[in-house]
Amino acid sequence: MLKLEVMRNEIFQKIEEENNESVLEKIISYINAVRKPDVSMPPCCYTDEEKKARIERSVLDAQAGLGISQKKMIERHPEWI
């Protein structure tokens, strides 16, 4: 367990020191690529009210300029194409 904490701290330190956006995007893509989905978890299900709240939150986030473009998302996850 201690080794895991040491490794996490080293990763966090390297990420905090990184100033290149492209490198950080590649790190995120790599982490997402190596993760395996947890098949023991049931699929996510939302009630209609939860869906509406999530959509409203997304619209507000988009209006506030939060999020990334489709082009950036494809660059991060080329396997999705």
C-alpha atoms as a PDB file:
ATOM      1  CA  MET A   1       0.000   0.000   0.000  1.00  0.00           C
ATOM      2  CA  LEU A   2       2.862   2.368   0.793  1.00  0.00           C
ATOM      3  CA  LYS A   3       4.406   1.722  -2.633  1.00  0.00           C
ATOM      4  CA  LEU A   4       1.128   2.706  -4.274  1.00  0.00           C
ATOM      5  CA  GLU A   5       1.041   5.996  -2.343  1.00  0.00           C
ATOM      6  CA  VAL A   6       4.640   6.738  -3.304  1.00  0.00           C
ATOM      7  CA  MET A   7       3.844   6.082  -6.948  1.00  0.00           C
ATOM      8  CA  ARG A   8       0.754   8.304  -6.837  1.00  0.00           C
ATOM      9  CA  ASN A   9       2.693  11.118  -5.219  1.00  0.00           C
ATOM     10  CA  GLU A  10       5.397  10.856  -7.871  1.00  0.00           C
ATOM     11  CA  ILE A  11       2.803  10.989 -10.644  1.00  0.00           C
ATOM     12  CA  PHE A  12       1.029  13.973  -9.061  1.00  0.00           C
ATOM     13  CA  GLN A  13       4.326  15.821  -8.663  1.00  0.00           C
ATOM     14  CA  LYS A  14       5.277  15.253 -12.304  1.00  0.00           C
ATOM     15  CA  ILE A  15       1.841  16.393 -13.479  1.00  0.00           C
ATOM     16  CA  GLU A  16       1.996  19.535 -11.320  1.00  0.00           C
ATOM     17  CA  GLU A  17       5.402  20.380 -12.807  1.00  0.00           C
ATOM     18  CA  GLU A  18       4.265  19.823 -16.417  1.00  0.00           C
ATOM     19  CA  ASN A  19       3.551  22.977 -18.421  1.00  0.00           C
ATOM     20  CA  ASN A  20       2.954  21.442 -21.841  1.00  0.00           C
ATOM     21  CA  GLU A  21      -0.754  21.058 -22.600  1.00  0.00           C
ATOM     22  CA  SER A  22      -0.075  18.453 -25.271  1.00  0.00           C
ATOM     23  CA  VAL A  23       1.834  16.280 -22.808  1.00  0.00           C
ATOM     24  CA  LEU A  24      -0.970  16.528 -20.258  1.00  0.00           C
ATOM     25  CA  GLU A  25      -3.550  15.567 -22.906  1.00  0.00           C
ATOM     26  CA  LYS A  26      -1.446  12.532 -23.830  1.00  0.00           C
ATOM     27  CA  ILE A  27      -1.209  11.541 -20.159  1.00  0.00           C
ATOM     28  CA  ILE A  28      -4.991  11.710 -19.830  1.00  0.00           C
ATOM     29  CA  SER A  29      -5.449   9.694 -23.033  1.00  0.00           C
ATOM     30  CA  TYR A  30      -2.979   7.069 -21.865  1.00  0.00           C
ATOM     31  CA  ILE A  31      -4.627   6.696 -18.466  1.00  0.00           C
ATOM     32  CA  ASN A  32      -8.036   6.318 -20.105  1.00  0.00           C
ATOM     33  CA  ALA A  33      -6.668   3.782 -22.595  1.00  0.00           C
ATOM     34  CA  VAL A  34      -5.076   1.524 -19.984  1.00  0.00           C
ATOM     35  CA  ARG A  35      -8.021   1.502 -17.631  1.00  0.00           C
ATOM     36  CA  LYS A  36     -10.300  -1.458 -17.968  1.00  0.00           C
ATOM     37  CA  PRO A  37     -14.009  -0.968 -17.322  1.00  0.00           C
ATOM     38  CA  ASP A  38     -15.255  -2.599 -14.157  1.00  0.00           C
ATOM     39  CA  VAL A  39     -17.630  -5.185 -15.567  1.00  0.00           C
ATOM     40  CA  SER A  40     -18.904  -6.004 -12.090  1.00  0.00           C
ATOM     41  CA  MET A  41     -20.686  -2.644 -11.954  1.00  0.00           C
ATOM     42  CA  PRO A  42     -24.191  -2.440 -13.403  1.00  0.00           C
ATOM     43  CA  PRO A  43     -24.788   0.145 -16.135  1.00  0.00           C
ATOM     44  CA  CYS A  44     -25.599   3.615 -14.906  1.00  0.00           C
ATOM     45  CA  CYS A  45     -29.307   4.402 -14.813  1.00  0.00           C
ATOM     46  CA  TYR A  46     -30.813   7.797 -14.098  1.00  0.00           C
ATOM     47  CA  THR A  47     -34.367   8.755 -13.288  1.00  0.00           C
ATOM     48  CA  ASP A  48     -36.091  11.191 -15.638  1.00  0.00           C
ATOM     49  CA  GLU A  49     -35.574  13.965 -13.091  1.00  0.00           C
ATOM     50  CA  GLU A  50     -31.858  13.172 -12.837  1.00  0.00           C
ATOM     51  CA  LYS A  51     -31.548  13.169 -16.636  1.00  0.00           C
ATOM     52  CA  LYS A  52     -33.238  16.563 -16.870  1.00  0.00           C
ATOM     53  CA  ALA A  53     -31.003  17.992 -14.137  1.00  0.00           C
ATOM     54  CA  ARG A  54     -27.876  16.678 -15.871  1.00  0.00           C
ATOM     55  CA  ILE A  55     -28.980  18.147 -19.205  1.00  0.00           C
ATOM     56  CA  GLU A  56     -29.734  21.519 -17.609  1.00  0.00           C
ATOM     57  CA  ARG A  57     -26.312  21.470 -15.894  1.00  0.00           C
ATOM     58  CA  SER A  58     -24.640  20.636 -19.211  1.00  0.00           C
ATOM     59  CA  VAL A  59     -26.388  23.502 -20.984  1.00  0.00           C
ATOM     60  CA  LEU A  60     -25.308  25.936 -18.261  1.00  0.00           C
ATOM     61  CA  ASP A  61     -21.738  24.620 -18.400  1.00  0.00           C
ATOM     62  CA  ALA A  62     -21.673  25.039 -22.180  1.00  0.00           C
ATOM     63  CA  GLN A  63     -23.005  28.585 -21.929  1.00  0.00           C
ATOM     64  CA  ALA A  64     -20.262  29.330 -19.387  1.00  0.00           C
ATOM     65  CA  GLY A  65     -17.618  28.132 -21.837  1.00  0.00           C
ATOM     66  CA  LEU A  66     -16.795  24.980 -19.928  1.00  0.00           C
ATOM     67  CA  GLY A  67     -15.959  21.779 -21.750  1.00  0.00           C
ATOM     68  CA  ILE A  68     -13.872  21.037 -24.812  1.00  0.00           C
ATOM     69  CA  SER A  69     -14.475  20.941 -28.543  1.00  0.00           C
ATOM     70  CA  GLN A  70     -15.321  17.788 -30.449  1.00  0.00           C
ATOM     71  CA  LYS A  71     -11.940  18.068 -32.199  1.00  0.00           C
ATOM     72  CA  LYS A  72     -10.103  18.075 -28.846  1.00  0.00           C
ATOM     73  CA  MET A  73     -12.170  15.129 -27.630  1.00  0.00           C
ATOM     74  CA  ILE A  74     -11.304  13.135 -30.761  1.00  0.00           C
ATOM     75  CA  GLU A  75      -7.623  14.007 -30.270  1.00  0.00           C
ATOM     76  CA  ARG A  76      -7.814  12.704 -26.701  1.00  0.00           C
ATOM     77  CA  HIS A  77      -9.729   9.563 -27.662  1.00  0.00           C
ATOM     78  CA  PRO A  78      -8.936   8.584 -31.254  1.00  0.00           C
ATOM     79  CA  GLU A  79     -10.171   5.064 -30.487  1.00  0.00           C
ATOM     80  CA  TRP A  80     -13.716   6.470 -30.331  1.00  0.00           C
ATOM     81  CA  ILE A  81     -13.795   7.212 -34.063  1.00  0.00           C
END
